[in-house]
Amino acid sequence: EIDRTLFSKAPIKWYAEHRLIPLQHEAQGTRIAFADPHNQQDLEAARQVYGHNLLRAVTCNASIEKVIEWVKRGNKKEETVDNRKNQKDFIQIQTIKSQKV
């Protein structure tokens, strides 16, 4: 499930520039999906906005673009990520297990 409120921490253009999307806040930190989870500039940008307790996940550019468009349109009930019949058609995200950055 994507927590849309996490997008309020930066301008929507920033997410496209850094090719990342915030997913959810967890007890250990904020889970962020990156197109390139090893890109140091994107990691540092995420740290500046979300703090140092980041939990990385990886996704493709197309998924990042879809989520950004979803956020731009607003959170309409029929378009929420968590209530789609087949969420995998909306975005593909792979969690990187136990990697805090």
PDB file of N, CA and C in Angstrom:
ATOM      1  N   GLU A   1       0.838  -1.183   0.000  1.00  0.00           N
ATOM      2  CA  GLU A   1       0.000   0.000   0.000  1.00  0.00           C
ATOM      3  C   GLU A   1       0.882   1.245   0.000  1.00  0.00           C
ATOM      4  N   ILE A   2       0.508   2.206  -0.793  1.00  0.00           N
ATOM      5  CA  ILE A   2       1.256   3.460  -0.873  1.00  0.00           C
ATOM      6  C   ILE A   2       0.551   4.508  -0.023  1.00  0.00           C
ATOM      7  N   ASP A   3       1.317   5.150   0.837  1.00  0.00           N
ATOM      8  CA  ASP A   3       0.797   6.224   1.678  1.00  0.00           C
ATOM      9  C   ASP A   3       0.956   7.540   0.933  1.00  0.00           C
ATOM     10  N   ARG A   4      -0.116   7.990   0.320  1.00  0.00           N
ATOM     11  CA  ARG A   4      -0.086   9.193  -0.519  1.00  0.00           C
ATOM     12  C   ARG A   4       0.358  10.432   0.259  1.00  0.00           C
ATOM     13  N   THR A   5       0.106  10.487   1.554  1.00  0.00           N
ATOM     14  CA  THR A   5       0.462  11.667   2.341  1.00  0.00           C
ATOM     15  C   THR A   5       1.971  11.885   2.387  1.00  0.00           C
ATOM     16  N   LEU A   6       2.767  10.850   2.168  1.00  0.00           N
ATOM     17  CA  LEU A   6       4.224  10.999   2.178  1.00  0.00           C
ATOM     18  C   LEU A   6       4.718  11.878   1.030  1.00  0.00           C
ATOM     19  N   PHE A   7       3.905  12.020  -0.009  1.00  0.00           N
ATOM     20  CA  PHE A   7       4.299  12.842  -1.148  1.00  0.00           C
ATOM     21  C   PHE A   7       4.270  14.330  -0.828  1.00  0.00           C
ATOM     22  N   SER A   8       3.665  14.723   0.272  1.00  0.00           N
ATOM     23  CA  SER A   8       3.570  16.143   0.610  1.00  0.00           C
ATOM     24  C   SER A   8       4.899  16.717   1.101  1.00  0.00           C
ATOM     25  N   LYS A   9       5.898  15.887   1.302  1.00  0.00           N
ATOM     26  CA  LYS A   9       7.185  16.342   1.825  1.00  0.00           C
ATOM     27  C   LYS A   9       8.077  17.004   0.777  1.00  0.00           C
ATOM     28  N   ALA A  10       7.740  16.844  -0.501  1.00  0.00           N
ATOM     29  CA  ALA A  10       8.545  17.446  -1.572  1.00  0.00           C
ATOM     30  C   ALA A  10       7.632  17.722  -2.763  1.00  0.00           C
ATOM     31  N   PRO A  11       8.047  18.643  -3.648  1.00  0.00           N
ATOM     32  CA  PRO A  11       7.249  18.890  -4.865  1.00  0.00           C
ATOM     33  C   PRO A  11       7.198  17.624  -5.721  1.00  0.00           C
ATOM     34  N   ILE A  12       6.099  17.392  -6.393  1.00  0.00           N
ATOM     35  CA  ILE A  12       5.925  16.178  -7.187  1.00  0.00           C
ATOM     36  C   ILE A  12       7.013  16.036  -8.251  1.00  0.00           C
ATOM     37  N   LYS A  13       7.495  17.152  -8.775  1.00  0.00           N
ATOM     38  CA  LYS A  13       8.569  17.135  -9.780  1.00  0.00           C
ATOM     39  C   LYS A  13       9.854  16.511  -9.211  1.00  0.00           C
ATOM     40  N   TRP A  14      10.097  16.709  -7.922  1.00  0.00           N
ATOM     41  CA  TRP A  14      11.282  16.185  -7.253  1.00  0.00           C
ATOM     42  C   TRP A  14      11.337  14.659  -7.347  1.00  0.00           C
ATOM     43  N   TYR A  15      10.180  14.004  -7.202  1.00  0.00           N
ATOM     44  CA  TYR A  15      10.135  12.535  -7.258  1.00  0.00           C
ATOM     45  C   TYR A  15      10.520  12.021  -8.641  1.00  0.00           C
ATOM     46  N   ALA A  16      10.071  12.709  -9.679  1.00  0.00           N
ATOM     47  CA  ALA A  16      10.432  12.319 -11.041  1.00  0.00           C
ATOM     48  C   ALA A  16      11.920  12.547 -11.294  1.00  0.00           C
ATOM     49  N   GLU A  17      12.451  13.659 -10.783  1.00  0.00           N
ATOM     50  CA  GLU A  17      13.868  13.967 -10.975  1.00  0.00           C
ATOM     51  C   GLU A  17      14.769  12.932 -10.304  1.00  0.00           C
ATOM     52  N   HIS A  18      14.382  12.479  -9.131  1.00  0.00           N
ATOM     53  CA  HIS A  18      15.218  11.530  -8.382  1.00  0.00           C
ATOM     54  C   HIS A  18      14.804  10.076  -8.603  1.00  0.00           C
ATOM     55  N   ARG A  19      13.793   9.860  -9.414  1.00  0.00           N
ATOM     56  CA  ARG A  19      13.328   8.516  -9.754  1.00  0.00           C
ATOM     57  C   ARG A  19      13.117   7.662  -8.508  1.00  0.00           C
ATOM     58  N   LEU A  20      12.261   8.191  -7.621  1.00  0.00           N
ATOM     59  CA  LEU A  20      11.922   7.470  -6.397  1.00  0.00           C
ATOM     60  C   LEU A  20      10.505   7.821  -5.977  1.00  0.00           C
ATOM     61  N   ILE A  21       9.902   6.925  -5.200  1.00  0.00           N
ATOM     62  CA  ILE A  21       8.585   7.182  -4.623  1.00  0.00           C
ATOM     63  C   ILE A  21       8.554   6.657  -3.188  1.00  0.00           C
ATOM     64  N   PRO A  22       7.951   7.422  -2.288  1.00  0.00           N
ATOM     65  CA  PRO A  22       7.790   6.930  -0.927  1.00  0.00           C
ATOM     66  C   PRO A  22       6.617   5.946  -0.900  1.00  0.00           C
ATOM     67  N   LEU A  23       6.781   4.872  -0.156  1.00  0.00           N
ATOM     68  CA  LEU A  23       5.720   3.872  -0.095  1.00  0.00           C
ATOM     69  C   LEU A  23       4.931   3.962   1.202  1.00  0.00           C
ATOM     70  N   GLN A  24       5.641   3.824   2.322  1.00  0.00           N
ATOM     71  CA  GLN A  24       4.956   3.852   3.609  1.00  0.00           C
ATOM     72  C   GLN A  24       5.949   4.053   4.731  1.00  0.00           C
ATOM     73  N   HIS A  25       5.426   4.556   5.838  1.00  0.00           N
ATOM     74  CA  HIS A  25       6.254   4.708   7.030  1.00  0.00           C
ATOM     75  C   HIS A  25       6.079   3.450   7.867  1.00  0.00           C
ATOM     76  N   GLU A  26       7.191   2.866   8.296  1.00  0.00           N
ATOM     77  CA  GLU A  26       7.186   1.659   9.117  1.00  0.00           C
ATOM     78  C   GLU A  26       7.923   1.949  10.412  1.00  0.00           C
ATOM     79  N   ALA A  27       7.873   1.052  11.346  1.00  0.00           N
ATOM     80  CA  ALA A  27       8.536   1.249  12.640  1.00  0.00           C
ATOM     81  C   ALA A  27      10.037   1.483  12.479  1.00  0.00           C
ATOM     82  N   GLN A  28      10.667   0.822  11.494  1.00  0.00           N
ATOM     83  CA  GLN A  28      12.109   0.943  11.289  1.00  0.00           C
ATOM     84  C   GLN A  28      12.505   2.155  10.465  1.00  0.00           C
ATOM     85  N   GLY A  29      11.562   2.764   9.762  1.00  0.00           N
ATOM     86  CA  GLY A  29      11.874   3.916   8.917  1.00  0.00           C
ATOM     87  C   GLY A  29      10.866   4.051   7.797  1.00  0.00           C
ATOM     88  N   THR A  30      11.198   4.856   6.812  1.00  0.00           N
ATOM     89  CA  THR A  30      10.318   5.083   5.669  1.00  0.00           C
ATOM     90  C   THR A  30      10.786   4.229   4.499  1.00  0.00           C
ATOM     91  N   ARG A  31       9.856   3.441   3.940  1.00  0.00           N
ATOM     92  CA  ARG A  31      10.192   2.599   2.791  1.00  0.00           C
ATOM     93  C   ARG A  31      10.066   3.454   1.527  1.00  0.00           C
ATOM     94  N   ILE A  32      11.157   3.471   0.754  1.00  0.00           N
ATOM     95  CA  ILE A  32      11.241   4.250  -0.480  1.00  0.00           C
ATOM     96  C   ILE A  32      11.582   3.298  -1.620  1.00  0.00           C
ATOM     97  N   ALA A  33      10.855   3.412  -2.730  1.00  0.00           N
ATOM     98  CA  ALA A  33      11.167   2.626  -3.926  1.00  0.00           C
ATOM     99  C   ALA A  33      11.977   3.497  -4.878  1.00  0.00           C
ATOM    100  N   PHE A  34      13.117   2.981  -5.290  1.00  0.00           N
ATOM    101  CA  PHE A  34      14.045   3.688  -6.181  1.00  0.00           C
ATOM    102  C   PHE A  34      14.124   2.963  -7.521  1.00  0.00           C
ATOM    103  N   ALA A  35      14.317   3.727  -8.585  1.00  0.00           N
ATOM    104  CA  ALA A  35      14.631   3.100  -9.869  1.00  0.00           C
ATOM    105  C   ALA A  35      16.039   2.515  -9.809  1.00  0.00           C
ATOM    106  N   ASP A  36      16.946   3.211  -9.132  1.00  0.00           N
ATOM    107  CA  ASP A  36      18.312   2.728  -8.930  1.00  0.00           C
ATOM    108  C   ASP A  36      18.649   2.883  -7.449  1.00  0.00           C
ATOM    109  N   PRO A  37      18.457   1.841  -6.649  1.00  0.00           N
ATOM    110  CA  PRO A  37      18.665   1.953  -5.204  1.00  0.00           C
ATOM    111  C   PRO A  37      20.127   2.139  -4.790  1.00  0.00           C
ATOM    112  N   HIS A  38      21.044   2.113  -5.754  1.00  0.00           N
ATOM    113  CA  HIS A  38      22.468   2.312  -5.448  1.00  0.00           C
ATOM    114  C   HIS A  38      22.972   3.693  -5.865  1.00  0.00           C
ATOM    115  N   ASN A  39      22.102   4.501  -6.455  1.00  0.00           N
ATOM    116  CA  ASN A  39      22.487   5.844  -6.877  1.00  0.00           C
ATOM    117  C   ASN A  39      22.637   6.730  -5.639  1.00  0.00           C
ATOM    118  N   GLN A  40      23.852   7.150  -5.363  1.00  0.00           N
ATOM    119  CA  GLN A  40      24.138   7.902  -4.136  1.00  0.00           C
ATOM    120  C   GLN A  40      23.460   9.267  -4.108  1.00  0.00           C
ATOM    121  N   GLN A  41      23.313   9.914  -5.241  1.00  0.00           N
ATOM    122  CA  GLN A  41      22.639  11.219  -5.270  1.00  0.00           C
ATOM    123  C   GLN A  41      21.163  11.080  -4.909  1.00  0.00           C
ATOM    124  N   ASP A  42      20.516  10.044  -5.434  1.00  0.00           N
ATOM    125  CA  ASP A  42      19.105   9.820  -5.116  1.00  0.00           C
ATOM    126  C   ASP A  42      18.932   9.412  -3.656  1.00  0.00           C
ATOM    127  N   LEU A  43      19.844   8.580  -3.151  1.00  0.00           N
ATOM    128  CA  LEU A  43      19.792   8.190  -1.735  1.00  0.00           C
ATOM    129  C   LEU A  43      19.949   9.409  -0.829  1.00  0.00           C
ATOM    130  N   GLU A  44      20.890  10.279  -1.145  1.00  0.00           N
ATOM    131  CA  GLU A  44      21.111  11.466  -0.323  1.00  0.00           C
ATOM    132  C   GLU A  44      19.905  12.409  -0.387  1.00  0.00           C
ATOM    133  N   ALA A  45      19.321  12.546  -1.571  1.00  0.00           N
ATOM    134  CA  ALA A  45      18.123  13.380  -1.698  1.00  0.00           C
ATOM    135  C   ALA A  45      16.993  12.828  -0.834  1.00  0.00           C
ATOM    136  N   ALA A  46      16.814  11.509  -0.846  1.00  0.00           N
ATOM    137  CA  ALA A  46      15.774  10.883  -0.026  1.00  0.00           C
ATOM    138  C   ALA A  46      16.055  11.078   1.465  1.00  0.00           C
ATOM    139  N   ARG A  47      17.309  10.983   1.858  1.00  0.00           N
ATOM    140  CA  ARG A  47      17.679  11.206   3.267  1.00  0.00           C
ATOM    141  C   ARG A  47      17.352  12.632   3.703  1.00  0.00           C
ATOM    142  N   GLN A  48      17.592  13.603   2.827  1.00  0.00           N
ATOM    143  CA  GLN A  48      17.320  14.999   3.168  1.00  0.00           C
ATOM    144  C   GLN A  48      15.833  15.234   3.403  1.00  0.00           C
ATOM    145  N   VAL A  49      15.001  14.512   2.686  1.00  0.00           N
ATOM    146  CA  VAL A  49      13.557  14.707   2.824  1.00  0.00           C
ATOM    147  C   VAL A  49      12.949  13.787   3.880  1.00  0.00           C
ATOM    148  N   TYR A  50      13.375  12.531   3.927  1.00  0.00           N
ATOM    149  CA  TYR A  50      12.737  11.529   4.791  1.00  0.00           C
ATOM    150  C   TYR A  50      13.583  11.082   5.978  1.00  0.00           C
ATOM    151  N   GLY A  51      14.766  11.634   6.131  1.00  0.00           N
ATOM    152  CA  GLY A  51      15.613  11.253   7.253  1.00  0.00           C
ATOM    153  C   GLY A  51      16.525  10.088   6.907  1.00  0.00           C
ATOM    154  N   HIS A  52      17.308   9.676   7.865  1.00  0.00           N
ATOM    155  CA  HIS A  52      18.333   8.657   7.614  1.00  0.00           C
ATOM    156  C   HIS A  52      17.837   7.223   7.751  1.00  0.00           C
ATOM    157  N   ASN A  53      16.658   7.020   8.292  1.00  0.00           N
ATOM    158  CA  ASN A  53      16.132   5.663   8.437  1.00  0.00           C
ATOM    159  C   ASN A  53      15.293   5.288   7.223  1.00  0.00           C
ATOM    160  N   LEU A  54      15.986   4.995   6.124  1.00  0.00           N
ATOM    161  CA  LEU A  54      15.310   4.617   4.886  1.00  0.00           C
ATOM    162  C   LEU A  54      15.369   3.109   4.706  1.00  0.00           C
ATOM    163  N   LEU A  55      14.284   2.558   4.235  1.00  0.00           N
ATOM    164  CA  LEU A  55      14.213   1.143   3.871  1.00  0.00           C
ATOM    165  C   LEU A  55      14.029   1.115   2.353  1.00  0.00           C
ATOM    166  N   ARG A  56      14.976   0.523   1.651  1.00  0.00           N
ATOM    167  CA  ARG A  56      14.963   0.575   0.193  1.00  0.00           C
ATOM    168  C   ARG A  56      14.120  -0.524  -0.436  1.00  0.00           C
ATOM    169  N   ALA A  57      13.504  -0.134  -1.538  1.00  0.00           N
ATOM    170  CA  ALA A  57      12.829  -1.062  -2.436  1.00  0.00           C
ATOM    171  C   ALA A  57      13.221  -0.616  -3.839  1.00  0.00           C
ATOM    172  N   VAL A  58      13.008  -1.473  -4.807  1.00  0.00           N
ATOM    173  CA  VAL A  58      13.368  -1.128  -6.181  1.00  0.00           C
ATOM    174  C   VAL A  58      12.135  -1.273  -7.066  1.00  0.00           C
ATOM    175  N   THR A  59      12.018  -0.374  -8.029  1.00  0.00           N
ATOM    176  CA  THR A  59      10.932  -0.415  -8.996  1.00  0.00           C
ATOM    177  C   THR A  59      11.455   0.143 -10.311  1.00  0.00           C
ATOM    178  N   CYS A  60      10.673   0.048 -11.350  1.00  0.00           N
ATOM    179  CA  CYS A  60      11.097   0.558 -12.654  1.00  0.00           C
ATOM    180  C   CYS A  60      10.593   1.987 -12.859  1.00  0.00           C
ATOM    181  N   ASN A  61      11.182   2.666 -13.827  1.00  0.00           N
ATOM    182  CA  ASN A  61      10.778   4.039 -14.131  1.00  0.00           C
ATOM    183  C   ASN A  61       9.299   4.128 -14.489  1.00  0.00           C
ATOM    184  N   ALA A  62       8.792   3.154 -15.219  1.00  0.00           N
ATOM    185  CA  ALA A  62       7.381   3.181 -15.615  1.00  0.00           C
ATOM    186  C   ALA A  62       6.465   3.154 -14.398  1.00  0.00           C
ATOM    187  N   SER A  63       6.809   2.373 -13.401  1.00  0.00           N
ATOM    188  CA  SER A  63       6.003   2.326 -12.178  1.00  0.00           C
ATOM    189  C   SER A  63       6.065   3.647 -11.427  1.00  0.00           C
ATOM    190  N   ILE A  64       7.248   4.246 -11.377  1.00  0.00           N
ATOM    191  CA  ILE A  64       7.391   5.543 -10.722  1.00  0.00           C
ATOM    192  C   ILE A  64       6.508   6.571 -11.425  1.00  0.00           C
ATOM    193  N   GLU A  65       6.532   6.577 -12.742  1.00  0.00           N
ATOM    194  CA  GLU A  65       5.712   7.518 -13.500  1.00  0.00           C
ATOM    195  C   GLU A  65       4.222   7.295 -13.254  1.00  0.00           C
ATOM    196  N   LYS A  66       3.791   6.030 -13.189  1.00  0.00           N
ATOM    197  CA  LYS A  66       2.380   5.732 -12.932  1.00  0.00           C
ATOM    198  C   LYS A  66       1.946   6.249 -11.562  1.00  0.00           C
ATOM    199  N   VAL A  67       2.779   6.030 -10.555  1.00  0.00           N
ATOM    200  CA  VAL A  67       2.434   6.480  -9.212  1.00  0.00           C
ATOM    201  C   VAL A  67       2.396   8.002  -9.159  1.00  0.00           C
ATOM    202  N   ILE A  68       3.350   8.652  -9.788  1.00  0.00           N
ATOM    203  CA  ILE A  68       3.367  10.121  -9.805  1.00  0.00           C
ATOM    204  C   ILE A  68       2.096  10.654 -10.469  1.00  0.00           C
ATOM    205  N   GLU A  69       1.686  10.062 -11.566  1.00  0.00           N
ATOM    206  CA  GLU A  69       0.443  10.483 -12.221  1.00  0.00           C
ATOM    207  C   GLU A  69      -0.757  10.237 -11.314  1.00  0.00           C
ATOM    208  N   TRP A  70      -0.772   9.118 -10.605  1.00  0.00           N
ATOM    209  CA  TRP A  70      -1.849   8.798  -9.659  1.00  0.00           C
ATOM    210  C   TRP A  70      -1.919   9.866  -8.563  1.00  0.00           C
ATOM    211  N   VAL A  71      -0.770  10.287  -8.056  1.00  0.00           N
ATOM    212  CA  VAL A  71      -0.735  11.318  -7.014  1.00  0.00           C
ATOM    213  C   VAL A  71      -1.214  12.653  -7.578  1.00  0.00           C
ATOM    214  N   LYS A  72      -0.796  12.986  -8.783  1.00  0.00           N
ATOM    215  CA  LYS A  72      -1.221  14.243  -9.406  1.00  0.00           C
ATOM    216  C   LYS A  72      -2.743  14.310  -9.559  1.00  0.00           C
ATOM    217  N   ARG A  73      -3.359  13.181  -9.925  1.00  0.00           N
ATOM    218  CA  ARG A  73      -4.813  13.148 -10.136  1.00  0.00           C
ATOM    219  C   ARG A  73      -5.588  13.269  -8.834  1.00  0.00           C
ATOM    220  N   GLY A  74      -4.946  12.943  -7.739  1.00  0.00           N
ATOM    221  CA  GLY A  74      -5.654  12.934  -6.456  1.00  0.00           C
ATOM    222  C   GLY A  74      -6.042  11.521  -6.104  1.00  0.00           C
ATOM    223  N   ASN A  75      -6.349  11.310  -4.850  1.00  0.00           N
ATOM    224  CA  ASN A  75      -6.632   9.971  -4.345  1.00  0.00           C
ATOM    225  C   ASN A  75      -8.111   9.658  -4.496  1.00  0.00           C
ATOM    226  N   LYS A  76      -8.521   9.340  -5.715  1.00  0.00           N
ATOM    227  CA  LYS A  76      -9.910   8.955  -5.949  1.00  0.00           C
ATOM    228  C   LYS A  76     -10.088   7.514  -5.524  1.00  0.00           C
ATOM    229  N   LYS A  77     -11.162   7.242  -4.826  1.00  0.00           N
ATOM    230  CA  LYS A  77     -11.356   5.914  -4.254  1.00  0.00           C
ATOM    231  C   LYS A  77     -11.174   4.793  -5.276  1.00  0.00           C
ATOM    232  N   GLU A  78     -11.721   4.978  -6.479  1.00  0.00           N
ATOM    233  CA  GLU A  78     -11.622   3.898  -7.466  1.00  0.00           C
ATOM    234  C   GLU A  78     -10.218   3.741  -8.029  1.00  0.00           C
ATOM    235  N   GLU A  79      -9.323   4.687  -7.744  1.00  0.00           N
ATOM    236  CA  GLU A  79      -7.976   4.614  -8.287  1.00  0.00           C
ATOM    237  C   GLU A  79      -6.905   4.361  -7.232  1.00  0.00           C
ATOM    238  N   THR A  80      -7.282   4.088  -6.008  1.00  0.00           N
ATOM    239  CA  THR A  80      -6.257   3.877  -4.996  1.00  0.00           C
ATOM    240  C   THR A  80      -5.468   2.617  -5.296  1.00  0.00           C
ATOM    241  N   VAL A  81      -4.208   2.648  -4.977  1.00  0.00           N
ATOM    242  CA  VAL A  81      -3.323   1.527  -5.285  1.00  0.00           C
ATOM    243  C   VAL A  81      -3.745   0.271  -4.550  1.00  0.00           C
ATOM    244  N   ASP A  82      -4.147   0.395  -3.286  1.00  0.00           N
ATOM    245  CA  ASP A  82      -4.408  -0.800  -2.482  1.00  0.00           C
ATOM    246  C   ASP A  82      -5.735  -1.476  -2.800  1.00  0.00           C
ATOM    247  N   ASN A  83      -6.664  -0.825  -3.495  1.00  0.00           N
ATOM    248  CA  ASN A  83      -7.930  -1.502  -3.759  1.00  0.00           C
ATOM    249  C   ASN A  83      -8.081  -1.953  -5.210  1.00  0.00           C
ATOM    250  N   ARG A  84      -7.036  -1.911  -5.996  1.00  0.00           N
ATOM    251  CA  ARG A  84      -7.102  -2.427  -7.364  1.00  0.00           C
ATOM    252  C   ARG A  84      -7.188  -3.950  -7.315  1.00  0.00           C
ATOM    253  N   LYS A  85      -7.932  -4.522  -8.251  1.00  0.00           N
ATOM    254  CA  LYS A  85      -8.059  -5.974  -8.289  1.00  0.00           C
ATOM    255  C   LYS A  85      -6.717  -6.638  -8.542  1.00  0.00           C
ATOM    256  N   ASN A  86      -5.911  -6.030  -9.399  1.00  0.00           N
ATOM    257  CA  ASN A  86      -4.605  -6.595  -9.691  1.00  0.00           C
ATOM    258  C   ASN A  86      -3.559  -5.495  -9.541  1.00  0.00           C
ATOM    259  N   GLN A  87      -3.092  -5.300  -8.324  1.00  0.00           N
ATOM    260  CA  GLN A  87      -2.138  -4.234  -8.030  1.00  0.00           C
ATOM    261  C   GLN A  87      -0.861  -4.390  -8.847  1.00  0.00           C
ATOM    262  N   LYS A  88      -0.490  -5.608  -9.206  1.00  0.00           N
ATOM    263  CA  LYS A  88       0.742  -5.815  -9.968  1.00  0.00           C
ATOM    264  C   LYS A  88       0.673  -5.162 -11.339  1.00  0.00           C
ATOM    265  N   ASP A  89      -0.546  -4.970 -11.881  1.00  0.00           N
ATOM    266  CA  ASP A  89      -0.669  -4.262 -13.144  1.00  0.00           C
ATOM    267  C   ASP A  89      -0.380  -2.780 -12.976  1.00  0.00           C
ATOM    268  N   PHE A  90      -0.529  -2.264 -11.761  1.00  0.00           N
ATOM    269  CA  PHE A  90      -0.315  -0.844 -11.509  1.00  0.00           C
ATOM    270  C   PHE A  90       1.162  -0.548 -11.303  1.00  0.00           C
ATOM    271  N   ILE A  91       1.809  -1.230 -10.362  1.00  0.00           N
ATOM    272  CA  ILE A  91       3.236  -1.026 -10.127  1.00  0.00           C
ATOM    273  C   ILE A  91       3.900  -2.333  -9.731  1.00  0.00           C
ATOM    274  N   GLN A  92       5.155  -2.418 -10.049  1.00  0.00           N
ATOM    275  CA  GLN A  92       5.981  -3.550  -9.652  1.00  0.00           C
ATOM    276  C   GLN A  92       7.052  -3.023  -8.707  1.00  0.00           C
ATOM    277  N   ILE A  93       7.047  -3.508  -7.471  1.00  0.00           N
ATOM    278  CA  ILE A  93       8.031  -3.077  -6.485  1.00  0.00           C
ATOM    279  C   ILE A  93       8.624  -4.312  -5.832  1.00  0.00           C
ATOM    280  N   GLN A  94       9.927  -4.320  -5.756  1.00  0.00           N
ATOM    281  CA  GLN A  94      10.633  -5.400  -5.088  1.00  0.00           C
ATOM    282  C   GLN A  94      11.337  -4.826  -3.864  1.00  0.00           C
ATOM    283  N   THR A  95      11.008  -5.348  -2.706  1.00  0.00           N
ATOM    284  CA  THR A  95      11.645  -4.888  -1.474  1.00  0.00           C
ATOM    285  C   THR A  95      13.051  -5.454  -1.389  1.00  0.00           C
ATOM    286  N   ILE A  96      13.971  -4.626  -0.966  1.00  0.00           N
ATOM    287  CA  ILE A  96      15.319  -5.085  -0.695  1.00  0.00           C
ATOM    288  C   ILE A  96      15.343  -5.422   0.794  1.00  0.00           C
ATOM    289  N   LYS A  97      15.401  -6.693   1.112  1.00  0.00           N
ATOM    290  CA  LYS A  97      15.252  -7.142   2.492  1.00  0.00           C
ATOM    291  C   LYS A  97      16.381  -6.682   3.398  1.00  0.00           C
ATOM    292  N   SER A  98      15.983  -6.206   4.548  1.00  0.00           N
ATOM    293  CA  SER A  98      16.901  -5.869   5.645  1.00  0.00           C
ATOM    294  C   SER A  98      18.022  -4.916   5.245  1.00  0.00           C
ATOM    295  N   GLN A  99      17.738  -4.009   4.387  1.00  0.00           N
ATOM    296  CA  GLN A  99      18.775  -3.048   4.026  1.00  0.00           C
ATOM    297  C   GLN A  99      18.325  -1.650   4.405  1.00  0.00           C
ATOM    298  N   LYS A 100      18.780  -1.213   5.528  1.00  0.00           N
ATOM    299  CA  LYS A 100      18.542   0.143   5.976  1.00  0.00           C
ATOM    300  C   LYS A 100      19.664   0.993   5.416  1.00  0.00           C
ATOM    301  N   VAL A 101      19.336   2.181   4.923  1.00  0.00           N
ATOM    302  CA  VAL A 101      20.384   3.064   4.385  1.00  0.00           C
ATOM    303  C   VAL A 101      20.378   4.385   5.093  1.00  0.00           C
TER     304      VAL A 101
END
